[in-house]
Amino acid sequence: MFLINYYKNHKHNLDTIHENEIENNESNNIETQEEIEEKEIQEEIQEEIQQEIQEEIQQEIQEEIQQEIQEEEIQKTSTFNEDVVRRQGTIQSNSYFNHLNEIESSYYEHLKTALDYSYTSLKASLYFFVHGVFPDFYTDSGSHTISSLNSIILATKMVKNNTSTNTSTSTNTSTNTSTDIVNR
């Protein structure tokens, strides 16, 4: 029984101490009504500012995303249009000529390259003719021209075989190389 009384007294003392602490804290923390209202107003203002900032950021992000999407669509459209324009000659011409399908070239690209080769061959032919009449003139020019033309044709075939997916590069390479020989 002694223990029970001791426990009750001790518990009563603890409860009293706790109540006193709560009262002290409440008296220290009591704010005036004006201070509470001012804090609430400040919190509302801060919340509104944060919400406006978040909305502005979200709007900027959406605008950037839309701009990127538009740029991608423009790029895809322009790439598609360039490919259609580039291939249009190939599609129309290839239905008549199997050779153009084999070399993956349009009619006009093939025509230009063939004319360049023809001009270079004509130059070599003239070198040989003059050399035949006058043996001391153009002793090596005809054979060098034919050898160069052969190298260009073989290089063009190798490039086309190695990069069949990139037809414009190989066609431009052969055209530029043959043009260089013609201009010599």
C-alpha atoms as a PDB file:
ATOM      1  CA  MET A   1       0.000   0.000   0.000  1.00  0.00           C
ATOM      2  CA  PHE A   2       2.858   2.254   0.713  1.00  0.00           C
ATOM      3  CA  LEU A   3       3.926   1.903  -2.870  1.00  0.00           C
ATOM      4  CA  ILE A   4       0.492   2.750  -4.171  1.00  0.00           C
ATOM      5  CA  ASN A   5       0.332   5.953  -2.134  1.00  0.00           C
ATOM      6  CA  TYR A   6       3.846   6.826  -3.148  1.00  0.00           C
ATOM      7  CA  TYR A   7       2.963   6.263  -6.794  1.00  0.00           C
ATOM      8  CA  LYS A   8      -0.228   8.406  -6.532  1.00  0.00           C
ATOM      9  CA  ASN A   9       1.638  11.272  -4.855  1.00  0.00           C
ATOM     10  CA  HIS A  10       4.453  11.120  -7.304  1.00  0.00           C
ATOM     11  CA  LYS A  11       2.031  11.019 -10.245  1.00  0.00           C
ATOM     12  CA  HIS A  12       0.098  13.959  -8.821  1.00  0.00           C
ATOM     13  CA  ASN A  13       3.333  15.959  -8.503  1.00  0.00           C
ATOM     14  CA  LEU A  14       4.310  15.150 -12.044  1.00  0.00           C
ATOM     15  CA  ASP A  15       0.912  16.164 -13.363  1.00  0.00           C
ATOM     16  CA  THR A  16       1.105  19.444 -11.501  1.00  0.00           C
ATOM     17  CA  ILE A  17       4.565  20.189 -12.875  1.00  0.00           C
ATOM     18  CA  HIS A  18       3.399  19.382 -16.366  1.00  0.00           C
ATOM     19  CA  GLU A  19       0.358  21.648 -16.069  1.00  0.00           C
ATOM     20  CA  ASN A  20       2.523  24.486 -14.812  1.00  0.00           C
ATOM     21  CA  GLU A  21       4.869  24.081 -17.761  1.00  0.00           C
ATOM     22  CA  ILE A  22       1.960  24.172 -20.191  1.00  0.00           C
ATOM     23  CA  GLU A  23       0.580  27.338 -18.600  1.00  0.00           C
ATOM     24  CA  ASN A  24       3.990  28.994 -18.722  1.00  0.00           C
ATOM     25  CA  ASN A  25       4.419  28.093 -22.377  1.00  0.00           C
ATOM     26  CA  GLU A  26       0.966  29.351 -23.233  1.00  0.00           C
ATOM     27  CA  SER A  27       1.516  32.635 -21.468  1.00  0.00           C
ATOM     28  CA  ASN A  28       4.834  33.099 -23.284  1.00  0.00           C
ATOM     29  CA  ASN A  29       3.396  32.178 -26.673  1.00  0.00           C
ATOM     30  CA  ILE A  30       0.259  34.254 -26.541  1.00  0.00           C
ATOM     31  CA  GLU A  31       0.197  36.605 -29.499  1.00  0.00           C
ATOM     32  CA  THR A  32      -2.069  39.446 -30.113  1.00  0.00           C
ATOM     33  CA  GLN A  33      -4.816  39.116 -32.659  1.00  0.00           C
ATOM     34  CA  GLU A  34      -3.111  41.668 -34.905  1.00  0.00           C
ATOM     35  CA  GLU A  35       0.127  39.695 -35.004  1.00  0.00           C
ATOM     36  CA  ILE A  36      -1.770  36.550 -35.947  1.00  0.00           C
ATOM     37  CA  GLU A  37      -3.625  38.320 -38.744  1.00  0.00           C
ATOM     38  CA  GLU A  38      -0.399  39.880 -40.010  1.00  0.00           C
ATOM     39  CA  LYS A  39       1.290  36.483 -40.125  1.00  0.00           C
ATOM     40  CA  GLU A  40      -1.667  34.999 -41.976  1.00  0.00           C
ATOM     41  CA  ILE A  41      -1.578  37.808 -44.535  1.00  0.00           C
ATOM     42  CA  GLN A  42       2.166  37.322 -45.047  1.00  0.00           C
ATOM     43  CA  GLU A  43       1.707  33.589 -45.507  1.00  0.00           C
ATOM     44  CA  GLU A  44      -1.079  34.154 -48.049  1.00  0.00           C
ATOM     45  CA  ILE A  45       1.103  36.612 -49.970  1.00  0.00           C
ATOM     46  CA  GLN A  46       4.003  34.147 -49.974  1.00  0.00           C
ATOM     47  CA  GLU A  47       1.729  31.358 -51.188  1.00  0.00           C
ATOM     48  CA  GLU A  48       0.367  33.561 -53.987  1.00  0.00           C
ATOM     49  CA  ILE A  49       3.896  34.557 -55.059  1.00  0.00           C
ATOM     50  CA  GLN A  50       5.042  30.936 -55.050  1.00  0.00           C
ATOM     51  CA  GLN A  51       1.993  29.894 -57.045  1.00  0.00           C
ATOM     52  CA  GLU A  52       2.583  32.662 -59.623  1.00  0.00           C
ATOM     53  CA  ILE A  53       6.237  31.669 -59.943  1.00  0.00           C
ATOM     54  CA  GLN A  54       5.294  28.009 -60.429  1.00  0.00           C
ATOM     55  CA  GLU A  55       2.700  28.949 -63.065  1.00  0.00           C
ATOM     56  CA  GLU A  56       5.243  31.117 -64.921  1.00  0.00           C
ATOM     57  CA  ILE A  57       7.826  28.327 -64.849  1.00  0.00           C
ATOM     58  CA  GLN A  58       5.286  25.787 -66.093  1.00  0.00           C
ATOM     59  CA  GLN A  59       4.202  28.157 -68.870  1.00  0.00           C
ATOM     60  CA  GLU A  60       7.822  28.749 -69.938  1.00  0.00           C
ATOM     61  CA  ILE A  61       8.493  25.008 -69.952  1.00  0.00           C
ATOM     62  CA  GLN A  62       5.383  24.367 -72.043  1.00  0.00           C
ATOM     63  CA  GLU A  63       6.392  27.105 -74.506  1.00  0.00           C
ATOM     64  CA  GLU A  64       9.900  25.660 -74.815  1.00  0.00           C
ATOM     65  CA  ILE A  65       8.510  22.176 -75.384  1.00  0.00           C
ATOM     66  CA  GLN A  66       6.084  23.457 -78.031  1.00  0.00           C
ATOM     67  CA  GLN A  67       8.889  25.388 -79.737  1.00  0.00           C
ATOM     68  CA  GLU A  68      11.115  22.289 -79.777  1.00  0.00           C
ATOM     69  CA  ILE A  69       8.275  20.206 -81.194  1.00  0.00           C
ATOM     70  CA  GLN A  70       7.644  22.801 -83.916  1.00  0.00           C
ATOM     71  CA  GLU A  71      11.357  22.938 -84.776  1.00  0.00           C
ATOM     72  CA  GLU A  72      11.490  19.132 -85.007  1.00  0.00           C
ATOM     73  CA  GLU A  73       8.409  19.087 -87.235  1.00  0.00           C
ATOM     74  CA  ILE A  74       9.894  21.779 -89.469  1.00  0.00           C
ATOM     75  CA  GLN A  75      13.171  19.862 -89.670  1.00  0.00           C
ATOM     76  CA  LYS A  76      11.378  16.593 -90.448  1.00  0.00           C
ATOM     77  CA  THR A  77       9.224  18.308 -93.079  1.00  0.00           C
ATOM     78  CA  SER A  78      12.179  20.041 -94.727  1.00  0.00           C
ATOM     79  CA  THR A  79      14.224  16.825 -94.698  1.00  0.00           C
ATOM     80  CA  PHE A  80      11.303  14.920 -96.168  1.00  0.00           C
ATOM     81  CA  ASN A  81      10.750  17.588 -98.837  1.00  0.00           C
ATOM     82  CA  GLU A  82      14.456  17.647 -99.736  1.00  0.00           C
ATOM     83  CA  ASP A  83      14.463  13.862 -99.991  1.00  0.00           C
ATOM     84  CA  VAL A  84      11.354  13.889-102.186  1.00  0.00           C
ATOM     85  CA  VAL A  85      12.808  16.583-104.457  1.00  0.00           C
ATOM     86  CA  ARG A  86      16.166  14.777-104.644  1.00  0.00           C
ATOM     87  CA  ARG A  87      14.568  11.415-105.348  1.00  0.00           C
ATOM     88  CA  GLN A  88      11.828  12.680-107.656  1.00  0.00           C
ATOM     89  CA  GLY A  89      14.010  12.336-110.755  1.00  0.00           C
ATOM     90  CA  THR A  90      15.040   8.854-109.611  1.00  0.00           C
ATOM     91  CA  ILE A  91      11.451   7.710-109.101  1.00  0.00           C
ATOM     92  CA  GLN A  92      10.249   9.016-112.450  1.00  0.00           C
ATOM     93  CA  SER A  93      13.279   7.917-114.473  1.00  0.00           C
ATOM     94  CA  ASN A  94      13.924   4.582-112.804  1.00  0.00           C
ATOM     95  CA  SER A  95      10.639   3.189-113.990  1.00  0.00           C
ATOM     96  CA  TYR A  96      12.108   3.275-117.553  1.00  0.00           C
ATOM     97  CA  PHE A  97      15.790   2.450-116.982  1.00  0.00           C
ATOM     98  CA  ASN A  98      17.011  -0.459-114.860  1.00  0.00           C
ATOM     99  CA  HIS A  99      20.589   0.836-114.870  1.00  0.00           C
ATOM    100  CA  LEU A 100      19.532   3.880-112.841  1.00  0.00           C
ATOM    101  CA  ASN A 101      18.055   1.581-110.194  1.00  0.00           C
ATOM    102  CA  GLU A 102      21.276  -0.402-110.058  1.00  0.00           C
ATOM    103  CA  ILE A 103      23.481   2.646-109.496  1.00  0.00           C
ATOM    104  CA  GLU A 104      20.903   4.476-107.346  1.00  0.00           C
ATOM    105  CA  SER A 105      21.073   7.659-109.384  1.00  0.00           C
ATOM    106  CA  SER A 106      18.569  10.021-110.935  1.00  0.00           C
ATOM    107  CA  TYR A 107      18.413  10.511-114.668  1.00  0.00           C
ATOM    108  CA  TYR A 108      19.962  13.988-114.530  1.00  0.00           C
ATOM    109  CA  GLU A 109      22.766  12.988-112.152  1.00  0.00           C
ATOM    110  CA  HIS A 110      23.611  10.081-114.464  1.00  0.00           C
ATOM    111  CA  LEU A 111      23.459  12.300-117.554  1.00  0.00           C
ATOM    112  CA  LYS A 112      25.847  14.866-116.072  1.00  0.00           C
ATOM    113  CA  THR A 113      28.346  12.211-114.982  1.00  0.00           C
ATOM    114  CA  ALA A 114      28.199  10.471-118.387  1.00  0.00           C
ATOM    115  CA  LEU A 115      28.754  13.770-120.210  1.00  0.00           C
ATOM    116  CA  ASP A 116      31.755  14.534-117.956  1.00  0.00           C
ATOM    117  CA  TYR A 117      33.244  11.116-118.776  1.00  0.00           C
ATOM    118  CA  SER A 118      32.530  11.666-122.462  1.00  0.00           C
ATOM    119  CA  TYR A 119      34.312  15.044-122.461  1.00  0.00           C
ATOM    120  CA  THR A 120      37.348  13.545-120.713  1.00  0.00           C
ATOM    121  CA  SER A 121      37.407  10.664-123.230  1.00  0.00           C
ATOM    122  CA  LEU A 122      37.179  13.142-126.113  1.00  0.00           C
ATOM    123  CA  LYS A 123      40.209  15.016-124.721  1.00  0.00           C
ATOM    124  CA  ALA A 124      42.138  11.732-124.509  1.00  0.00           C
ATOM    125  CA  SER A 125      41.092  10.889-128.067  1.00  0.00           C
ATOM    126  CA  LEU A 126      42.402  14.234-129.333  1.00  0.00           C
ATOM    127  CA  TYR A 127      45.696  13.698-127.463  1.00  0.00           C
ATOM    128  CA  PHE A 128      46.054  10.290-129.152  1.00  0.00           C
ATOM    129  CA  PHE A 129      45.192  11.730-132.587  1.00  0.00           C
ATOM    130  CA  VAL A 130      47.749  14.546-132.295  1.00  0.00           C
ATOM    131  CA  HIS A 131      50.340  12.109-130.905  1.00  0.00           C
ATOM    132  CA  GLY A 132      49.700   9.780-133.853  1.00  0.00           C
ATOM    133  CA  VAL A 133      50.339  12.574-136.368  1.00  0.00           C
ATOM    134  CA  PHE A 134      53.183  14.200-134.405  1.00  0.00           C
ATOM    135  CA  PRO A 135      54.880  11.523-132.269  1.00  0.00           C
ATOM    136  CA  ASP A 136      56.805  14.031-130.138  1.00  0.00           C
ATOM    137  CA  PHE A 137      53.619  15.792-128.946  1.00  0.00           C
ATOM    138  CA  TYR A 138      51.451  14.539-126.049  1.00  0.00           C
ATOM    139  CA  THR A 139      53.549  11.432-125.491  1.00  0.00           C
ATOM    140  CA  ASP A 140      51.915  10.624-122.120  1.00  0.00           C
ATOM    141  CA  SER A 141      48.831  12.885-121.998  1.00  0.00           C
ATOM    142  CA  GLY A 142      46.339  10.495-123.612  1.00  0.00           C
ATOM    143  CA  SER A 143      47.280   7.511-121.472  1.00  0.00           C
ATOM    144  CA  HIS A 144      47.330   9.631-118.260  1.00  0.00           C
ATOM    145  CA  THR A 145      43.862  10.994-119.037  1.00  0.00           C
ATOM    146  CA  ILE A 146      42.426   7.506-119.659  1.00  0.00           C
ATOM    147  CA  SER A 147      44.154   6.146-116.534  1.00  0.00           C
ATOM    148  CA  SER A 148      42.730   9.002-114.420  1.00  0.00           C
ATOM    149  CA  LEU A 149      39.244   8.480-115.829  1.00  0.00           C
ATOM    150  CA  ASN A 150      39.464   4.739-115.070  1.00  0.00           C
ATOM    151  CA  SER A 151      40.519   5.511-111.472  1.00  0.00           C
ATOM    152  CA  ILE A 152      37.585   7.880-111.046  1.00  0.00           C
ATOM    153  CA  ILE A 153      35.088   5.331-112.354  1.00  0.00           C
ATOM    154  CA  LEU A 154      36.466   2.546-110.138  1.00  0.00           C
ATOM    155  CA  ALA A 155      36.537   4.829-107.079  1.00  0.00           C
ATOM    156  CA  THR A 156      32.932   5.884-107.742  1.00  0.00           C
ATOM    157  CA  LYS A 157      31.837   2.232-107.934  1.00  0.00           C
ATOM    158  CA  MET A 158      33.658   1.410-104.697  1.00  0.00           C
ATOM    159  CA  VAL A 159      32.105   4.356-102.886  1.00  0.00           C
ATOM    160  CA  LYS A 160      28.628   3.416-104.108  1.00  0.00           C
ATOM    161  CA  ASN A 161      29.128  -0.205-103.028  1.00  0.00           C
ATOM    162  CA  ASN A 162      30.421   0.769 -99.574  1.00  0.00           C
ATOM    163  CA  THR A 163      27.790   3.409 -98.863  1.00  0.00           C
ATOM    164  CA  SER A 164      24.670   2.302-100.668  1.00  0.00           C
ATOM    165  CA  THR A 165      22.536   4.048 -98.040  1.00  0.00           C
ATOM    166  CA  ASN A 166      24.111   7.456 -98.654  1.00  0.00           C
ATOM    167  CA  THR A 167      23.558   7.878-102.396  1.00  0.00           C
ATOM    168  CA  SER A 168      23.896  11.627-102.578  1.00  0.00           C
ATOM    169  CA  THR A 169      27.441  11.611-101.184  1.00  0.00           C
ATOM    170  CA  SER A 170      28.749   9.013-103.626  1.00  0.00           C
ATOM    171  CA  THR A 171      27.082  10.686-106.610  1.00  0.00           C
ATOM    172  CA  ASN A 172      28.482  14.061-105.631  1.00  0.00           C
ATOM    173  CA  THR A 173      31.941  12.527-105.180  1.00  0.00           C
ATOM    174  CA  SER A 174      31.932  11.012-108.656  1.00  0.00           C
ATOM    175  CA  THR A 175      30.586  14.190-110.242  1.00  0.00           C
ATOM    176  CA  ASN A 176      33.104  16.403-108.468  1.00  0.00           C
ATOM    177  CA  THR A 177      36.037  14.121-109.269  1.00  0.00           C
ATOM    178  CA  SER A 178      35.100  13.836-112.928  1.00  0.00           C
ATOM    179  CA  THR A 179      34.635  17.594-113.091  1.00  0.00           C
ATOM    180  CA  ASP A 180      38.124  18.044-111.642  1.00  0.00           C
ATOM    181  CA  ILE A 181      39.635  15.893-114.397  1.00  0.00           C
ATOM    182  CA  VAL A 182      37.685  17.727-117.090  1.00  0.00           C
ATOM    183  CA  ASN A 183      38.984  21.039-115.798  1.00  0.00           C
ATOM    184  CA  ARG A 184      42.667  19.977-115.973  1.00  0.00           C
END
